[in-house]
Amino acid sequence: MKRTIKGTLCDTSTAEQIGESRYDGCTEYLYRTKSGKYFIHTVRSKGLVREDLYLLTNTAAADWIMVAYGPVDAYYDAKTGAKKEWAKISVSSTTKALIDELRGAYGMTANELISDALKTYRKNA
């Protein structure tokens, strides 16, 4: 599959596949382009087969790896160098699909989406 997203060519035939995750009739493949950009190739095989591509930031790619392969104890913020710790949460496959859709649409990490949603919920409660 091949598509240009925000000026970046996302081509599964030329990019390096560096990860794979399967859940509830869906397979996601994490790729890195020759220019160092990350994207997800999603294949949904439940019902009608659907494929899509989502461009990821470096932080979003790190989030994806953490979710797909399990948590690490800590990571270092690329901007500040500060040590941060991960917390692992479990969500339904429907919620994960919604998070993935919104990540692609808004270019945000799962952490950013959940944090913004919780802040909005608290503000409106």
C-alpha atoms as a PDB file:
ATOM      1  CA  MET A   1       0.000   0.000   0.000  1.00  0.00           C
ATOM      2  CA  LYS A   2       1.261   3.454  -0.821  1.00  0.00           C
ATOM      3  CA  ARG A   3       0.071   6.969  -0.002  1.00  0.00           C
ATOM      4  CA  THR A   4       1.563  10.393   0.619  1.00  0.00           C
ATOM      5  CA  ILE A   5       0.511  11.842   3.994  1.00  0.00           C
ATOM      6  CA  LYS A   6       1.497  15.397   4.951  1.00  0.00           C
ATOM      7  CA  GLY A   7       4.285  15.319   2.370  1.00  0.00           C
ATOM      8  CA  THR A   8       5.673  11.944   3.504  1.00  0.00           C
ATOM      9  CA  LEU A   9       5.580   8.952   1.157  1.00  0.00           C
ATOM     10  CA  CYS A  10       4.282   5.970   3.144  1.00  0.00           C
ATOM     11  CA  ASP A  11       5.016   2.891   1.019  1.00  0.00           C
ATOM     12  CA  THR A  12       4.888  -0.575   2.577  1.00  0.00           C
ATOM     13  CA  SER A  13       6.956  -2.005  -0.280  1.00  0.00           C
ATOM     14  CA  THR A  14       9.980   0.249   0.337  1.00  0.00           C
ATOM     15  CA  ALA A  15       9.795   1.093   4.071  1.00  0.00           C
ATOM     16  CA  GLU A  16      11.298  -1.099   6.794  1.00  0.00           C
ATOM     17  CA  GLN A  17       8.719  -3.044   8.822  1.00  0.00           C
ATOM     18  CA  ILE A  18       9.793  -2.830  12.465  1.00  0.00           C
ATOM     19  CA  GLY A  19       6.753  -4.089  14.371  1.00  0.00           C
ATOM     20  CA  GLU A  20       3.497  -6.031  14.197  1.00  0.00           C
ATOM     21  CA  SER A  21       0.481  -6.201  16.492  1.00  0.00           C
ATOM     22  CA  ARG A  22      -2.694  -8.315  16.190  1.00  0.00           C
ATOM     23  CA  TYR A  23      -5.980  -7.834  18.008  1.00  0.00           C
ATOM     24  CA  ASP A  24      -9.647  -8.625  17.374  1.00  0.00           C
ATOM     25  CA  GLY A  25      -9.519  -9.140  13.602  1.00  0.00           C
ATOM     26  CA  CYS A  26      -7.050  -6.326  13.026  1.00  0.00           C
ATOM     27  CA  THR A  27      -3.335  -6.372  12.276  1.00  0.00           C
ATOM     28  CA  GLU A  28      -1.130  -3.298  12.545  1.00  0.00           C
ATOM     29  CA  TYR A  29       2.328  -3.054  11.043  1.00  0.00           C
ATOM     30  CA  LEU A  30       4.748  -0.328  12.136  1.00  0.00           C
ATOM     31  CA  TYR A  31       7.066   0.929   9.394  1.00  0.00           C
ATOM     32  CA  ARG A  32       9.971   3.380   9.195  1.00  0.00           C
ATOM     33  CA  THR A  33      10.602   5.184   5.909  1.00  0.00           C
ATOM     34  CA  LYS A  34      14.071   5.709   4.465  1.00  0.00           C
ATOM     35  CA  SER A  35      13.842   9.321   5.719  1.00  0.00           C
ATOM     36  CA  GLY A  36      13.158   8.119   9.295  1.00  0.00           C
ATOM     37  CA  LYS A  37       9.398   8.819   9.470  1.00  0.00           C
ATOM     38  CA  TYR A  38       7.069   6.271  11.082  1.00  0.00           C
ATOM     39  CA  PHE A  39       3.701   5.059   9.864  1.00  0.00           C
ATOM     40  CA  ILE A  40       1.165   2.348  10.662  1.00  0.00           C
ATOM     41  CA  HIS A  41      -0.388   0.061   8.069  1.00  0.00           C
ATOM     42  CA  THR A  42      -3.681  -1.246   9.483  1.00  0.00           C
ATOM     43  CA  VAL A  43      -5.424  -4.288   7.995  1.00  0.00           C
ATOM     44  CA  ARG A  44      -8.875  -5.124   9.330  1.00  0.00           C
ATOM     45  CA  SER A  45      -9.913  -8.637   8.328  1.00  0.00           C
ATOM     46  CA  LYS A  46     -13.137  -8.949  10.311  1.00  0.00           C
ATOM     47  CA  GLY A  47     -16.017  -8.645   7.830  1.00  0.00           C
ATOM     48  CA  LEU A  48     -14.865  -6.712   4.780  1.00  0.00           C
ATOM     49  CA  VAL A  49     -11.106  -6.347   4.464  1.00  0.00           C
ATOM     50  CA  ARG A  50     -10.068  -2.710   4.948  1.00  0.00           C
ATOM     51  CA  GLU A  51      -6.611  -1.205   4.884  1.00  0.00           C
ATOM     52  CA  ASP A  52      -5.366   2.210   5.911  1.00  0.00           C
ATOM     53  CA  LEU A  53      -2.142   4.128   6.593  1.00  0.00           C
ATOM     54  CA  TYR A  54      -1.472   6.543   9.467  1.00  0.00           C
ATOM     55  CA  LEU A  55       1.591   8.760   9.787  1.00  0.00           C
ATOM     56  CA  LEU A  56       3.053   8.800  13.330  1.00  0.00           C
ATOM     57  CA  THR A  57       5.305  11.168  15.229  1.00  0.00           C
ATOM     58  CA  ASN A  58       8.380   9.637  16.852  1.00  0.00           C
ATOM     59  CA  THR A  59       6.588   9.830  20.213  1.00  0.00           C
ATOM     60  CA  ALA A  60       3.502   8.115  18.809  1.00  0.00           C
ATOM     61  CA  ALA A  61       5.696   5.348  17.345  1.00  0.00           C
ATOM     62  CA  ALA A  62       7.278   4.862  20.783  1.00  0.00           C
ATOM     63  CA  ASP A  63       3.772   4.696  22.304  1.00  0.00           C
ATOM     64  CA  TRP A  64       2.757   2.101  19.723  1.00  0.00           C
ATOM     65  CA  ILE A  65       5.794  -0.046  20.516  1.00  0.00           C
ATOM     66  CA  MET A  66       5.035   0.192  24.240  1.00  0.00           C
ATOM     67  CA  VAL A  67       1.426  -0.898  23.722  1.00  0.00           C
ATOM     68  CA  ALA A  68       2.299  -3.649  21.226  1.00  0.00           C
ATOM     69  CA  TYR A  69       5.263  -5.153  23.057  1.00  0.00           C
ATOM     70  CA  GLY A  70       4.600  -4.276  26.676  1.00  0.00           C
ATOM     71  CA  PRO A  71       5.641  -1.542  29.012  1.00  0.00           C
ATOM     72  CA  VAL A  72       9.127  -0.489  29.852  1.00  0.00           C
ATOM     73  CA  ASP A  73       9.980   0.894  33.284  1.00  0.00           C
ATOM     74  CA  ALA A  74      10.739   4.406  32.081  1.00  0.00           C
ATOM     75  CA  TYR A  75      11.671   6.542  29.125  1.00  0.00           C
ATOM     76  CA  TYR A  76      13.337   9.894  28.645  1.00  0.00           C
ATOM     77  CA  ASP A  77      11.446  12.842  27.204  1.00  0.00           C
ATOM     78  CA  ALA A  78      13.086  13.784  23.899  1.00  0.00           C
ATOM     79  CA  LYS A  79      12.581  17.533  24.474  1.00  0.00           C
ATOM     80  CA  THR A  80      13.543  17.907  28.144  1.00  0.00           C
ATOM     81  CA  GLY A  81      15.594  14.780  28.874  1.00  0.00           C
ATOM     82  CA  ALA A  82      13.437  14.236  31.976  1.00  0.00           C
ATOM     83  CA  LYS A  83      12.827  10.665  33.087  1.00  0.00           C
ATOM     84  CA  LYS A  84       9.155   9.660  32.868  1.00  0.00           C
ATOM     85  CA  GLU A  85       7.453   6.439  33.903  1.00  0.00           C
ATOM     86  CA  TRP A  86       4.872   4.458  31.936  1.00  0.00           C
ATOM     87  CA  ALA A  87       1.565   3.202  33.287  1.00  0.00           C
ATOM     88  CA  LYS A  88      -0.074   0.297  31.455  1.00  0.00           C
ATOM     89  CA  ILE A  89      -3.841   0.326  30.942  1.00  0.00           C
ATOM     90  CA  SER A  90      -6.210  -2.148  29.272  1.00  0.00           C
ATOM     91  CA  VAL A  91      -8.953  -1.080  26.888  1.00  0.00           C
ATOM     92  CA  SER A  92     -11.482  -2.969  24.752  1.00  0.00           C
ATOM     93  CA  SER A  93     -10.704  -3.589  21.098  1.00  0.00           C
ATOM     94  CA  THR A  94     -13.457  -1.088  20.192  1.00  0.00           C
ATOM     95  CA  THR A  95     -11.807   1.614  22.317  1.00  0.00           C
ATOM     96  CA  LYS A  96      -8.368   0.777  20.883  1.00  0.00           C
ATOM     97  CA  ALA A  97      -9.745   1.113  17.340  1.00  0.00           C
ATOM     98  CA  LEU A  98     -11.225   4.519  18.241  1.00  0.00           C
ATOM     99  CA  ILE A  99      -7.939   5.662  19.788  1.00  0.00           C
ATOM    100  CA  ASP A 100      -6.053   4.530  16.677  1.00  0.00           C
ATOM    101  CA  GLU A 101      -8.521   6.338  14.403  1.00  0.00           C
ATOM    102  CA  LEU A 102      -8.179   9.558  16.387  1.00  0.00           C
ATOM    103  CA  ARG A 103      -4.374   9.221  16.560  1.00  0.00           C
ATOM    104  CA  GLY A 104      -4.286   9.147  12.769  1.00  0.00           C
ATOM    105  CA  ALA A 105      -6.806  11.958  12.358  1.00  0.00           C
ATOM    106  CA  TYR A 106      -5.211  14.355  14.862  1.00  0.00           C
ATOM    107  CA  GLY A 107      -1.558  13.241  14.817  1.00  0.00           C
ATOM    108  CA  MET A 108      -1.615  12.770  18.593  1.00  0.00           C
ATOM    109  CA  THR A 109      -0.242   9.987  20.754  1.00  0.00           C
ATOM    110  CA  ALA A 110      -2.575   7.670  22.665  1.00  0.00           C
ATOM    111  CA  ASN A 111      -1.334   9.333  25.842  1.00  0.00           C
ATOM    112  CA  GLU A 112      -2.182  12.822  24.534  1.00  0.00           C
ATOM    113  CA  LEU A 113      -5.689  11.735  23.458  1.00  0.00           C
ATOM    114  CA  ILE A 114      -6.498  10.052  26.779  1.00  0.00           C
ATOM    115  CA  SER A 115      -5.032  12.923  28.797  1.00  0.00           C
ATOM    116  CA  ASP A 116      -7.045  15.532  26.854  1.00  0.00           C
ATOM    117  CA  ALA A 117     -10.244  13.463  27.187  1.00  0.00           C
ATOM    118  CA  LEU A 118      -9.791  13.068  30.938  1.00  0.00           C
ATOM    119  CA  LYS A 119      -9.055  16.783  31.411  1.00  0.00           C
ATOM    120  CA  THR A 120     -12.202  17.658  29.434  1.00  0.00           C
ATOM    121  CA  TYR A 121     -14.256  15.144  31.412  1.00  0.00           C
ATOM    122  CA  ARG A 122     -13.003  16.547  34.739  1.00  0.00           C
ATOM    123  CA  LYS A 123     -13.643  20.126  33.588  1.00  0.00           C
ATOM    124  CA  ASN A 124     -17.227  19.296  32.547  1.00  0.00           C
ATOM    125  CA  ALA A 125     -18.109  17.034  35.489  1.00  0.00           C
END
